[in-house]
Amino acid sequence: MSHPLEITNLVKRFGGLVATNDLSFHVEQGQSVGLIGPNGAGKTTVFAQIMGEHRQTSGTIKLYGKDIGNKTTPERIRLGVSRTYQVPRPFSDMTVLENIRVGQMSSSIWKMITTRPNHEREEEIAHSVGFAEADLHKTPGELSMGDLRKLEMARTIATGTSVMLLDEVFAGLTVAEIAQIATLIQKMRSDGMTFLIVSHDLKALEPLVDSLVAINYGSKIAEGSFAEVMGNASVRESYLGVV
């Protein structure tokens, strides 16, 4: 059976800088994998390549066995992969429901014009990530950081994604908000969603992931269970600053 996400020998060069260096790993169906490493290790660049925001220099990216390396970002989203951003990117002049509506829209202008909005689906998605009825018509400027993170996730759900890439989803959140997002991730996993999660919050990440991939300078330095990776000497030296 093909993996939902499979990366093989991925290389990305920006001039003389090697941002991703022969990186390989995969994520199995319904699995949650953590991608960790120090600042500048190349984690977000990996996400950008998966989504087609940066084209890889070499190597392959497969979604359910299909090579997506030459697909546009909208094509990749339609095939079932989507992402959130470390700094939320909502449409500031749109309400929560309107932001979710954008996620449901086709990239075809004609379909966008002729397709009627599915208001029931928008509300269903909003409620599924924890928005109360009173929040549905708020704009992003009226939301807490925790709610902005939920809105990012709701917009990815609206695309119909089956593989969700979460970039520093716990950054800037209170303890209570972290618990809410963690519960949401666990619920979505139980419903069949597959996750690749970048996070510096290892305490929040540990109970959510089946395994970790640790990278430094764009290269994989360890892969395995949370305990195995965090016990690796190279990881401890490069990521934690201890041996």
Protein backbone atom coordinates (compact mmCIF):
# COMPACT_ATOMS: atom_id res chain seq x y z
CA MET A 1 0.00 0.00 0.00
CA SER A 2 1.27 3.48 -0.87
CA HIS A 3 2.07 5.87 1.94
CA PRO A 4 0.00 9.08 2.21
CA LEU A 5 3.26 11.04 2.16
CA GLU A 6 6.66 9.78 1.04
CA ILE A 7 9.80 11.90 0.60
CA THR A 8 12.86 10.36 -1.01
CA ASN A 9 16.36 11.88 -1.36
CA LEU A 10 14.95 15.41 -1.23
CA VAL A 11 17.46 18.16 -2.02
CA LYS A 12 16.84 21.91 -2.14
CA ARG A 13 19.58 24.39 -2.99
CA PHE A 14 19.32 28.16 -2.84
CA GLY A 15 22.47 29.12 -4.72
CA GLY A 16 25.31 27.72 -2.65
CA LEU A 17 23.09 27.03 0.37
CA VAL A 18 21.82 23.47 0.77
CA ALA A 19 18.54 23.85 2.67
CA THR A 20 17.45 20.21 2.32
CA ASN A 21 20.12 17.55 1.97
CA ASP A 22 19.16 14.07 0.70
CA LEU A 23 16.19 13.84 3.08
CA SER A 24 14.01 10.72 3.11
CA PHE A 25 11.09 9.69 5.33
CA HIS A 26 7.45 8.70 5.04
CA VAL A 27 4.20 9.05 6.98
CA GLU A 28 1.79 6.13 7.19
CA GLN A 29 -1.99 6.33 6.96
CA GLY A 30 -3.53 7.84 10.10
CA GLN A 31 -0.10 8.39 11.59
CA SER A 32 1.23 11.57 13.18
CA VAL A 33 4.93 12.27 12.66
CA GLY A 34 6.86 15.09 14.30
CA LEU A 35 9.52 16.95 12.30
CA ILE A 36 11.96 18.61 14.69
CA GLY A 37 15.26 20.44 14.60
CA PRO A 38 16.90 23.70 15.68
CA ASN A 39 16.03 27.05 14.12
CA GLY A 40 17.25 27.14 10.55
CA ALA A 41 17.35 23.35 10.24
CA GLY A 42 15.12 23.42 7.15
CA LYS A 43 11.78 22.26 8.56
CA THR A 44 9.63 24.97 6.99
CA THR A 45 11.54 24.56 3.72
CA VAL A 46 10.48 20.91 3.73
CA PHE A 47 6.85 22.00 4.10
CA ALA A 48 7.26 24.53 1.30
CA GLN A 49 8.59 21.82 -1.02
CA ILE A 50 5.77 19.41 -0.16
CA MET A 51 3.26 22.13 -1.03
CA GLY A 52 5.05 23.28 -4.19
CA GLU A 53 5.82 26.73 -2.80
CA HIS A 54 9.48 25.87 -3.46
CA ARG A 55 10.38 23.32 -6.12
CA GLN A 56 12.91 20.73 -5.02
CA THR A 57 16.31 20.67 -6.72
CA SER A 58 16.17 16.87 -6.83
CA GLY A 59 14.43 13.96 -5.15
CA THR A 60 10.79 12.90 -5.11
CA ILE A 61 7.66 13.81 -3.16
CA LYS A 62 4.81 11.32 -3.42
CA LEU A 63 1.24 11.56 -2.18
CA TYR A 64 -0.48 8.16 -2.02
CA GLY A 65 2.14 6.84 -4.43
CA LYS A 66 1.68 9.66 -6.96
CA ASP A 67 4.70 11.84 -7.73
CA ILE A 68 3.56 15.42 -7.10
CA GLY A 69 6.92 17.10 -7.67
CA ASN A 70 5.77 18.87 -10.83
CA LYS A 71 2.28 19.76 -9.59
CA THR A 72 1.20 23.30 -8.74
CA THR A 73 0.18 24.15 -5.18
CA PRO A 74 -3.58 24.13 -6.03
CA GLU A 75 -3.16 20.74 -7.72
CA ARG A 76 -1.45 19.34 -4.64
CA ILE A 77 -4.22 20.67 -2.40
CA ARG A 78 -6.84 18.99 -4.61
CA LEU A 79 -4.90 15.73 -4.32
CA GLY A 80 -5.23 15.86 -0.53
CA VAL A 81 -2.37 17.71 1.16
CA SER A 82 -2.65 21.09 2.85
CA ARG A 83 -0.78 23.11 5.47
CA THR A 84 -0.99 25.73 8.19
CA TYR A 85 1.60 28.46 8.77
CA GLN A 86 3.64 29.45 11.77
CA VAL A 87 2.23 32.96 11.41
CA PRO A 88 -1.51 32.58 10.69
CA ARG A 89 -2.59 33.93 7.29
CA PRO A 90 -6.34 34.55 7.46
CA PHE A 91 -8.16 37.01 5.22
CA SER A 92 -8.40 39.87 7.69
CA ASP A 93 -11.55 41.44 6.22
CA MET A 94 -13.50 38.17 6.18
CA THR A 95 -15.40 36.46 8.96
CA VAL A 96 -14.58 33.03 10.33
CA LEU A 97 -17.20 31.45 8.08
CA GLU A 98 -16.03 33.39 5.04
CA ASN A 99 -12.42 32.30 5.63
CA ILE A 100 -13.57 28.68 5.76
CA ARG A 101 -15.61 29.22 2.59
CA VAL A 102 -12.45 30.19 0.71
CA GLY A 103 -10.95 26.82 1.63
CA GLN A 104 -13.89 25.06 -0.06
CA MET A 105 -13.57 27.00 -3.30
CA SER A 106 -12.21 25.39 -6.42
CA SER A 107 -9.23 26.97 -8.15
CA SER A 108 -11.39 27.11 -11.26
CA ILE A 109 -12.82 30.62 -11.66
CA TRP A 110 -15.88 29.25 -13.46
CA LYS A 111 -16.66 26.78 -10.67
CA MET A 112 -16.14 29.51 -8.08
CA ILE A 113 -18.72 31.67 -9.87
CA THR A 114 -21.28 28.91 -10.47
CA THR A 115 -20.99 26.86 -7.26
CA ARG A 116 -23.29 27.90 -4.44
CA PRO A 117 -21.68 28.26 -1.00
CA ASN A 118 -22.30 25.31 1.33
CA HIS A 119 -23.18 27.24 4.46
CA GLU A 120 -24.07 24.13 6.43
CA ARG A 121 -20.66 22.62 5.70
CA GLU A 122 -18.90 25.86 6.70
CA GLU A 123 -20.68 25.87 10.06
CA GLU A 124 -20.03 22.15 10.54
CA ILE A 125 -16.29 22.66 10.03
CA ALA A 126 -16.24 25.71 12.31
CA HIS A 127 -17.98 23.84 15.10
CA SER A 128 -15.77 20.77 14.59
CA VAL A 129 -12.65 22.77 15.52
CA GLY A 130 -14.33 24.34 18.53
CA PHE A 131 -15.79 27.65 17.40
CA ALA A 132 -18.90 28.74 19.28
CA GLU A 133 -21.88 30.14 17.42
CA ALA A 134 -21.00 33.64 18.64
CA ASP A 135 -17.56 33.42 16.97
CA LEU A 136 -18.69 32.53 13.46
CA HIS A 137 -19.16 36.11 12.27
CA LYS A 138 -16.07 37.55 13.95
CA THR A 139 -13.13 38.74 11.88
CA PRO A 140 -9.57 37.54 12.60
CA GLY A 141 -8.75 40.75 14.46
CA GLU A 142 -11.32 39.78 17.08
CA LEU A 143 -9.87 36.31 17.68
CA SER A 144 -7.29 35.05 20.17
CA MET A 145 -4.14 33.32 18.92
CA GLY A 146 -5.68 30.00 19.86
CA ASP A 147 -8.73 30.74 17.73
CA LEU A 148 -6.51 31.85 14.84
CA ARG A 149 -4.76 28.48 15.01
CA LYS A 150 -8.16 26.76 14.92
CA LEU A 151 -9.17 28.89 11.94
CA GLU A 152 -6.02 27.82 10.07
CA MET A 153 -6.90 24.19 10.72
CA ALA A 154 -10.52 24.74 9.71
CA ARG A 155 -9.42 26.24 6.40
CA THR A 156 -7.28 23.18 5.67
CA ILE A 157 -10.16 20.85 6.57
CA ALA A 158 -12.34 22.78 4.13
CA THR A 159 -10.01 21.89 1.26
CA GLY A 160 -10.87 18.23 1.80
CA THR A 161 -7.34 17.40 2.88
CA SER A 162 -6.35 13.98 4.17
CA VAL A 163 -2.73 14.90 4.96
CA MET A 164 -2.30 17.98 7.13
CA LEU A 165 1.01 19.76 7.67
CA LEU A 166 1.06 21.78 10.89
CA ASP A 167 3.83 24.39 11.24
CA GLU A 168 4.46 25.42 14.88
CA VAL A 169 0.79 25.02 15.71
CA PHE A 170 1.44 25.56 19.44
CA ALA A 171 3.52 28.74 19.11
CA GLY A 172 2.19 31.70 21.09
CA LEU A 173 -0.56 29.73 22.84
CA THR A 174 -1.52 29.56 26.48
CA VAL A 175 -1.44 26.23 28.32
CA ALA A 176 -5.21 25.97 27.98
CA GLU A 177 -5.09 26.72 24.25
CA ILE A 178 -2.35 24.12 23.70
CA ALA A 179 -4.56 21.54 25.40
CA GLN A 180 -7.48 22.48 23.13
CA ILE A 181 -5.41 22.19 19.95
CA ALA A 182 -3.89 18.89 21.12
CA THR A 183 -7.36 17.47 21.76
CA LEU A 184 -8.45 18.62 18.31
CA ILE A 185 -5.48 16.90 16.66
CA GLN A 186 -6.22 13.68 18.53
CA LYS A 187 -9.86 13.82 17.44
CA MET A 188 -8.91 14.41 13.81
CA ARG A 189 -6.48 11.50 13.95
CA SER A 190 -9.24 9.24 15.23
CA ASP A 191 -11.29 10.36 12.21
CA GLY A 192 -8.49 9.27 9.84
CA MET A 193 -6.42 12.42 9.28
CA THR A 194 -2.67 11.99 8.72
CA PHE A 195 -0.31 14.60 10.22
CA LEU A 196 3.20 15.92 9.80
CA ILE A 197 3.85 18.35 12.67
CA VAL A 198 6.67 20.85 13.13
CA SER A 199 6.94 22.03 16.73
CA HIS A 200 9.51 23.28 19.21
CA ASP A 201 7.10 22.47 22.05
CA LEU A 202 8.27 18.94 22.70
CA LYS A 203 6.10 18.52 25.78
CA ALA A 204 2.96 19.19 23.74
CA LEU A 205 4.24 17.16 20.79
CA GLU A 206 5.21 13.96 22.60
CA PRO A 207 1.74 12.49 23.25
CA LEU A 208 0.57 13.35 19.73
CA VAL A 209 3.16 11.63 17.55
CA ASP A 210 3.94 8.03 16.63
CA SER A 211 7.49 8.91 15.65
CA LEU A 212 9.95 11.76 15.13
CA VAL A 213 12.23 12.80 12.30
CA ALA A 214 15.04 15.10 13.47
CA ILE A 215 16.95 17.23 10.97
CA ASN A 216 19.85 19.66 11.15
CA TYR A 217 21.28 21.71 8.30
CA GLY A 218 18.68 20.05 6.08
CA SER A 219 19.92 16.50 6.78
CA LYS A 220 18.19 13.78 8.77
CA ILE A 221 20.16 13.03 11.93
CA ALA A 222 17.70 10.67 13.64
CA GLU A 223 14.39 8.89 13.13
CA GLY A 224 12.35 6.67 15.40
CA SER A 225 10.14 6.81 18.47
CA PHE A 226 10.06 9.96 20.58
CA ALA A 227 12.27 8.36 23.24
CA GLU A 228 14.75 7.02 20.70
CA VAL A 229 15.18 10.32 18.90
CA MET A 230 15.39 12.44 22.04
CA GLY A 231 17.98 10.04 23.42
CA ASN A 232 20.14 10.33 20.30
CA ALA A 233 23.48 12.04 21.00
CA SER A 234 23.44 14.03 17.73
CA VAL A 235 19.94 15.32 18.47
CA ARG A 236 20.80 16.26 22.02
CA GLU A 237 23.89 18.13 20.88
CA SER A 238 22.37 19.98 17.93
CA TYR A 239 18.83 20.54 19.17
CA LEU A 240 19.08 20.62 22.93
CA GLY A 241 22.66 21.90 23.28
CA VAL A 242 23.67 18.99 25.52
CA VAL A 243 25.49 15.68 24.98
